Amino acid sequence: MRELEFLPEDYLRARFQRRIGFIRSWLLLAIGLAMVLYSLQMGTWVRDAQAELRALQGTGAAVEADVEKVRRLRDEARIYNERIALAEALRPRAPVTAVLADLVDALPESVRLERLEVLWPARGKADLPAVRLEGVAPGQEAVTRAVAGLDASPRFGQTILVESRLADGTAAGGRTFALEAHLLKAKQGA
């Protein structure tokens, strides 16, 4: 600004301040305009969001009937599953009379049973039920014949001698024993 060197210092300072003020007012105008445009856009966004909310509120009532129907169906399915489980629990897995008849046929006459227990597998397992026998035999040979008779029977298999010991208070050589034999699947329903 060589040509302005002859102007007084106050004039130059005032001219600089006017330019700064002019730039400041344009900046304030631009910021104000941006704020107005932003508020208009924000209003548009709010209106769109409110319209979506109204649309969703209408669908909530329409879906409520389906949700209630699903709840009722789940309750019915639970009740039917409980009934099926109860019916399966009541149905015998093998007729007890048939098991007892085959047991009488398999054991020697000299063996006296003191306890008979059917051991059912836990629900959901594919294991076969087993029979636990506890009794008294006149000797070890009768116990061995009992194991062989159960293994030869078409109803029982996998016979295990759990325990065999001398019996107290019986004739000489008398033995108490415990056997376990699994019921065979082929004859389970017979």
C-alpha atoms as a PDB file:
ATOM      1  CA  MET A   1       0.000   0.000   0.000  1.00  0.00           C
ATOM      2  CA  ARG A   2       2.548   2.452  -1.005  1.00  0.00           C
ATOM      3  CA  GLU A   3       0.003   4.881  -2.397  1.00  0.00           C
ATOM      4  CA  LEU A   4      -1.674   5.129   1.030  1.00  0.00           C
ATOM      5  CA  GLU A   5       1.426   6.061   2.968  1.00  0.00           C
ATOM      6  CA  PHE A   6       0.534   9.735   2.899  1.00  0.00           C
ATOM      7  CA  LEU A   7      -2.806   9.047   4.681  1.00  0.00           C
ATOM      8  CA  PRO A   8      -2.948   9.576   8.422  1.00  0.00           C
ATOM      9  CA  GLU A   9      -2.537   6.627  10.759  1.00  0.00           C
ATOM     10  CA  ASP A  10      -6.043   6.960  12.224  1.00  0.00           C
ATOM     11  CA  TYR A  11      -7.584   6.768   8.789  1.00  0.00           C
ATOM     12  CA  LEU A  12      -5.702   3.580   7.964  1.00  0.00           C
ATOM     13  CA  ARG A  13      -6.652   1.986  11.294  1.00  0.00           C
ATOM     14  CA  ALA A  14     -10.320   2.922  10.776  1.00  0.00           C
ATOM     15  CA  ARG A  15     -10.242   1.510   7.255  1.00  0.00           C
ATOM     16  CA  PHE A  16      -8.748  -1.768   8.605  1.00  0.00           C
ATOM     17  CA  GLN A  17     -11.440  -1.946  11.296  1.00  0.00           C
ATOM     18  CA  ARG A  18     -14.181  -1.427   8.699  1.00  0.00           C
ATOM     19  CA  ARG A  19     -12.803  -4.285   6.628  1.00  0.00           C
ATOM     20  CA  ILE A  20     -12.649  -6.537   9.713  1.00  0.00           C
ATOM     21  CA  GLY A  21     -16.207  -5.535  10.627  1.00  0.00           C
ATOM     22  CA  PHE A  22     -17.352  -6.201   7.049  1.00  0.00           C
ATOM     23  CA  ILE A  23     -15.753  -9.681   7.106  1.00  0.00           C
ATOM     24  CA  ARG A  24     -17.151 -10.327  10.590  1.00  0.00           C
ATOM     25  CA  SER A  25     -20.691  -9.391   9.496  1.00  0.00           C
ATOM     26  CA  TRP A  26     -20.434 -11.690   6.449  1.00  0.00           C
ATOM     27  CA  LEU A  27     -19.229 -14.516   8.687  1.00  0.00           C
ATOM     28  CA  LEU A  28     -22.076 -13.898  11.137  1.00  0.00           C
ATOM     29  CA  LEU A  29     -24.513 -13.847   8.225  1.00  0.00           C
ATOM     30  CA  ALA A  30     -23.094 -17.147   6.878  1.00  0.00           C
ATOM     31  CA  ILE A  31     -23.226 -18.751  10.351  1.00  0.00           C
ATOM     32  CA  GLY A  32     -26.775 -17.498  10.888  1.00  0.00           C
ATOM     33  CA  LEU A  33     -27.846 -18.786   7.472  1.00  0.00           C
ATOM     34  CA  ALA A  34     -26.228 -22.164   8.228  1.00  0.00           C
ATOM     35  CA  MET A  35     -28.077 -22.317  11.551  1.00  0.00           C
ATOM     36  CA  VAL A  36     -31.391 -21.532   9.858  1.00  0.00           C
ATOM     37  CA  LEU A  37     -30.799 -24.190   7.205  1.00  0.00           C
ATOM     38  CA  TYR A  38     -29.741 -26.701   9.886  1.00  0.00           C
ATOM     39  CA  SER A  39     -32.867 -26.013  11.953  1.00  0.00           C
ATOM     40  CA  LEU A  40     -35.025 -26.467   8.818  1.00  0.00           C
ATOM     41  CA  GLN A  41     -33.292 -29.759   8.076  1.00  0.00           C
ATOM     42  CA  MET A  42     -33.646 -30.814  11.724  1.00  0.00           C
ATOM     43  CA  GLY A  43     -37.366 -30.044  11.505  1.00  0.00           C
ATOM     44  CA  THR A  44     -37.603 -32.244   8.418  1.00  0.00           C
ATOM     45  CA  TRP A  45     -35.787 -35.064  10.236  1.00  0.00           C
ATOM     46  CA  VAL A  46     -38.076 -34.724  13.254  1.00  0.00           C
ATOM     47  CA  ARG A  47     -41.191 -34.822  11.044  1.00  0.00           C
ATOM     48  CA  ASP A  48     -39.867 -37.927   9.260  1.00  0.00           C
ATOM     49  CA  ALA A  49     -39.066 -39.607  12.585  1.00  0.00           C
ATOM     50  CA  GLN A  50     -42.533 -38.785  13.932  1.00  0.00           C
ATOM     51  CA  ALA A  51     -44.134 -40.213  10.777  1.00  0.00           C
ATOM     52  CA  GLU A  52     -42.115 -43.423  11.166  1.00  0.00           C
ATOM     53  CA  LEU A  53     -43.090 -43.626  14.831  1.00  0.00           C
ATOM     54  CA  ARG A  54     -46.776 -43.262  13.963  1.00  0.00           C
ATOM     55  CA  ALA A  55     -46.385 -45.958  11.299  1.00  0.00           C
ATOM     56  CA  LEU A  56     -44.676 -48.294  13.778  1.00  0.00           C
ATOM     57  CA  GLN A  57     -47.276 -47.673  16.455  1.00  0.00           C
ATOM     58  CA  GLY A  58     -49.945 -48.858  14.070  1.00  0.00           C
ATOM     59  CA  THR A  59     -48.059 -52.078  13.287  1.00  0.00           C
ATOM     60  CA  GLY A  60     -47.573 -52.891  16.965  1.00  0.00           C
ATOM     61  CA  ALA A  61     -51.296 -53.382  17.403  1.00  0.00           C
ATOM     62  CA  ALA A  62     -51.443 -55.573  14.289  1.00  0.00           C
ATOM     63  CA  VAL A  63     -48.591 -57.790  15.490  1.00  0.00           C
ATOM     64  CA  GLU A  64     -49.962 -58.085  19.046  1.00  0.00           C
ATOM     65  CA  ALA A  65     -52.566 -60.643  17.951  1.00  0.00           C
ATOM     66  CA  ASP A  66     -49.853 -62.827  16.380  1.00  0.00           C
ATOM     67  CA  VAL A  67     -47.702 -62.571  19.500  1.00  0.00           C
ATOM     68  CA  GLU A  68     -50.635 -63.667  21.658  1.00  0.00           C
ATOM     69  CA  LYS A  69     -51.328 -66.581  19.306  1.00  0.00           C
ATOM     70  CA  VAL A  70     -47.679 -67.726  19.566  1.00  0.00           C
ATOM     71  CA  ARG A  71     -47.902 -67.569  23.374  1.00  0.00           C
ATOM     72  CA  ARG A  72     -51.048 -69.698  23.378  1.00  0.00           C
ATOM     73  CA  LEU A  73     -49.444 -72.234  21.016  1.00  0.00           C
ATOM     74  CA  ARG A  74     -46.366 -72.489  23.250  1.00  0.00           C
ATOM     75  CA  ASP A  75     -48.589 -73.111  26.280  1.00  0.00           C
ATOM     76  CA  GLU A  76     -50.518 -75.805  24.404  1.00  0.00           C
ATOM     77  CA  ALA A  77     -47.274 -77.454  23.242  1.00  0.00           C
ATOM     78  CA  ARG A  78     -45.980 -77.484  26.829  1.00  0.00           C
ATOM     79  CA  ILE A  79     -49.233 -79.047  28.084  1.00  0.00           C
ATOM     80  CA  TYR A  80     -49.165 -81.715  25.353  1.00  0.00           C
ATOM     81  CA  ASN A  81     -45.502 -82.514  26.075  1.00  0.00           C
ATOM     82  CA  GLU A  82     -46.342 -82.952  29.768  1.00  0.00           C
ATOM     83  CA  ARG A  83     -49.236 -85.267  28.869  1.00  0.00           C
ATOM     84  CA  ILE A  84     -47.020 -87.332  26.566  1.00  0.00           C
ATOM     85  CA  ALA A  85     -44.350 -87.619  29.277  1.00  0.00           C
ATOM     86  CA  LEU A  86     -47.004 -88.708  31.797  1.00  0.00           C
ATOM     87  CA  ALA A  87     -48.408 -91.309  29.399  1.00  0.00           C
ATOM     88  CA  GLU A  88     -44.916 -92.690  28.718  1.00  0.00           C
ATOM     89  CA  ALA A  89     -44.196 -92.857  32.443  1.00  0.00           C
ATOM     90  CA  LEU A  90     -47.374 -94.867  33.045  1.00  0.00           C
ATOM     91  CA  ARG A  91     -46.776 -97.334  30.201  1.00  0.00           C
ATOM     92  CA  PRO A  92     -44.733-100.329  31.393  1.00  0.00           C
ATOM     93  CA  ARG A  93     -41.528-100.897  29.511  1.00  0.00           C
ATOM     94  CA  ALA A  94     -41.787-104.667  29.931  1.00  0.00           C
ATOM     95  CA  PRO A  95     -44.680-106.601  31.494  1.00  0.00           C
ATOM     96  CA  VAL A  96     -43.637-107.485  35.024  1.00  0.00           C
ATOM     97  CA  THR A  97     -45.539-110.777  34.957  1.00  0.00           C
ATOM     98  CA  ALA A  98     -43.596-111.893  31.876  1.00  0.00           C
ATOM     99  CA  VAL A  99     -40.308-110.989  33.566  1.00  0.00           C
ATOM    100  CA  LEU A 100     -41.294-112.934  36.699  1.00  0.00           C
ATOM    101  CA  ALA A 101     -42.407-115.995  34.677  1.00  0.00           C
ATOM    102  CA  ASP A 102     -39.091-116.102  32.788  1.00  0.00           C
ATOM    103  CA  LEU A 103     -37.206-115.569  36.045  1.00  0.00           C
ATOM    104  CA  VAL A 104     -38.961-118.557  37.681  1.00  0.00           C
ATOM    105  CA  ASP A 105     -38.141-120.703  34.639  1.00  0.00           C
ATOM    106  CA  ALA A 106     -34.462-119.650  34.618  1.00  0.00           C
ATOM    107  CA  LEU A 107     -33.619-120.164  38.313  1.00  0.00           C
ATOM    108  CA  PRO A 108     -32.966-123.600  39.857  1.00  0.00           C
ATOM    109  CA  GLU A 109     -35.595-124.816  42.360  1.00  0.00           C
ATOM    110  CA  SER A 110     -33.087-124.952  45.208  1.00  0.00           C
ATOM    111  CA  VAL A 111     -32.526-121.157  45.037  1.00  0.00           C
ATOM    112  CA  ARG A 112     -34.655-118.983  47.327  1.00  0.00           C
ATOM    113  CA  LEU A 113     -35.054-115.317  46.365  1.00  0.00           C
ATOM    114  CA  GLU A 114     -35.128-112.744  49.143  1.00  0.00           C
ATOM    115  CA  ARG A 115     -35.174-109.601  47.047  1.00  0.00           C
ATOM    116  CA  LEU A 116     -36.028-108.738  43.441  1.00  0.00           C
ATOM    117  CA  GLU A 117     -35.553-105.245  41.996  1.00  0.00           C
ATOM    118  CA  VAL A 118     -36.015-103.995  38.433  1.00  0.00           C
ATOM    119  CA  LEU A 119     -33.458-101.288  37.659  1.00  0.00           C
ATOM    120  CA  TRP A 120     -34.849 -98.980  34.971  1.00  0.00           C
ATOM    121  CA  PRO A 121     -32.359 -96.786  33.075  1.00  0.00           C
ATOM    122  CA  ALA A 122     -32.565 -93.017  33.432  1.00  0.00           C
ATOM    123  CA  ARG A 123     -35.155 -91.411  31.161  1.00  0.00           C
ATOM    124  CA  GLY A 124     -33.705 -90.579  27.770  1.00  0.00           C
ATOM    125  CA  LYS A 125     -30.965 -93.233  27.912  1.00  0.00           C
ATOM    126  CA  ALA A 126     -30.965 -96.111  25.464  1.00  0.00           C
ATOM    127  CA  ASP A 127     -29.747 -98.628  28.063  1.00  0.00           C
ATOM    128  CA  LEU A 128     -31.788-101.736  28.717  1.00  0.00           C
ATOM    129  CA  PRO A 129     -33.400-102.317  32.131  1.00  0.00           C
ATOM    130  CA  ALA A 130     -31.751-104.785  34.487  1.00  0.00           C
ATOM    131  CA  VAL A 131     -32.972-107.118  37.227  1.00  0.00           C
ATOM    132  CA  ARG A 132     -31.119-107.355  40.561  1.00  0.00           C
ATOM    133  CA  LEU A 133     -31.658-110.594  42.456  1.00  0.00           C
ATOM    134  CA  GLU A 134     -30.595-111.308  46.024  1.00  0.00           C
ATOM    135  CA  GLY A 135     -31.173-114.691  47.579  1.00  0.00           C
ATOM    136  CA  VAL A 136     -29.861-117.839  49.255  1.00  0.00           C
ATOM    137  CA  ALA A 137     -28.582-120.980  47.508  1.00  0.00           C
ATOM    138  CA  PRO A 138     -27.550-124.322  49.049  1.00  0.00           C
ATOM    139  CA  GLY A 139     -24.082-124.002  47.532  1.00  0.00           C
ATOM    140  CA  GLN A 140     -21.866-122.331  44.954  1.00  0.00           C
ATOM    141  CA  GLU A 141     -22.986-124.827  42.314  1.00  0.00           C
ATOM    142  CA  ALA A 142     -26.609-123.616  42.618  1.00  0.00           C
ATOM    143  CA  VAL A 143     -25.407-120.001  42.238  1.00  0.00           C
ATOM    144  CA  THR A 144     -23.477-120.984  39.097  1.00  0.00           C
ATOM    145  CA  ARG A 145     -26.571-122.764  37.698  1.00  0.00           C
ATOM    146  CA  ALA A 146     -28.644-119.618  38.420  1.00  0.00           C
ATOM    147  CA  VAL A 147     -26.188-117.478  36.420  1.00  0.00           C
ATOM    148  CA  ALA A 148     -26.148-120.018  33.565  1.00  0.00           C
ATOM    149  CA  GLY A 149     -29.960-120.305  33.604  1.00  0.00           C
ATOM    150  CA  LEU A 150     -30.397-116.545  33.367  1.00  0.00           C
ATOM    151  CA  ASP A 151     -27.879-116.320  30.509  1.00  0.00           C
ATOM    152  CA  ALA A 152     -29.648-119.165  28.663  1.00  0.00           C
ATOM    153  CA  SER A 153     -33.057-117.527  29.071  1.00  0.00           C
ATOM    154  CA  PRO A 154     -34.417-115.649  26.041  1.00  0.00           C
ATOM    155  CA  ARG A 155     -35.465-112.733  28.309  1.00  0.00           C
ATOM    156  CA  PHE A 156     -32.147-112.137  30.166  1.00  0.00           C
ATOM    157  CA  GLY A 157     -28.536-111.611  29.160  1.00  0.00           C
ATOM    158  CA  GLN A 158     -25.262-110.213  30.485  1.00  0.00           C
ATOM    159  CA  THR A 159     -25.726-111.831  33.885  1.00  0.00           C
ATOM    160  CA  ILE A 160     -23.169-110.659  36.438  1.00  0.00           C
ATOM    161  CA  LEU A 161     -22.447-112.252  39.795  1.00  0.00           C
ATOM    162  CA  VAL A 162     -22.195-109.220  42.054  1.00  0.00           C
ATOM    163  CA  GLU A 163     -21.623-111.035  45.342  1.00  0.00           C
ATOM    164  CA  SER A 164     -21.450-114.601  46.674  1.00  0.00           C
ATOM    165  CA  ARG A 165     -20.520-115.397  50.278  1.00  0.00           C
ATOM    166  CA  LEU A 166     -21.140-117.990  52.945  1.00  0.00           C
ATOM    167  CA  ALA A 167     -24.514-117.510  54.580  1.00  0.00           C
ATOM    168  CA  ASP A 168     -24.859-117.244  58.338  1.00  0.00           C
ATOM    169  CA  GLY A 169     -27.409-119.540  59.997  1.00  0.00           C
ATOM    170  CA  THR A 170     -28.010-121.852  57.015  1.00  0.00           C
ATOM    171  CA  ALA A 171     -27.058-125.423  56.280  1.00  0.00           C
ATOM    172  CA  ALA A 172     -23.382-126.146  55.646  1.00  0.00           C
ATOM    173  CA  GLY A 173     -22.216-124.643  52.382  1.00  0.00           C
ATOM    174  CA  GLY A 174     -25.215-122.324  52.021  1.00  0.00           C
ATOM    175  CA  ARG A 175     -24.431-119.083  50.191  1.00  0.00           C
ATOM    176  CA  THR A 176     -26.044-115.679  49.873  1.00  0.00           C
ATOM    177  CA  PHE A 177     -25.682-114.120  46.476  1.00  0.00           C
ATOM    178  CA  ALA A 178     -26.529-111.044  44.419  1.00  0.00           C
ATOM    179  CA  LEU A 179     -26.940-111.162  40.637  1.00  0.00           C
ATOM    180  CA  GLU A 180     -27.690-108.583  37.983  1.00  0.00           C
ATOM    181  CA  ALA A 181     -29.081-109.516  34.571  1.00  0.00           C
ATOM    182  CA  HIS A 182     -30.099-107.182  31.756  1.00  0.00           C
ATOM    183  CA  LEU A 183     -33.435-107.629  29.997  1.00  0.00           C
ATOM    184  CA  LEU A 184     -32.944-108.308  26.313  1.00  0.00           C
ATOM    185  CA  LYS A 185     -34.509-105.893  23.841  1.00  0.00           C
ATOM    186  CA  ALA A 186     -35.975-108.554  21.593  1.00  0.00           C
ATOM    187  CA  LYS A 187     -38.244-109.862  24.363  1.00  0.00           C
ATOM    188  CA  GLN A 188     -38.809-106.558  26.149  1.00  0.00           C
ATOM    189  CA  GLY A 189     -42.309-105.952  24.810  1.00  0.00           C
ATOM    190  CA  ALA A 190     -43.405-109.604  24.977  1.00  0.00           C
END
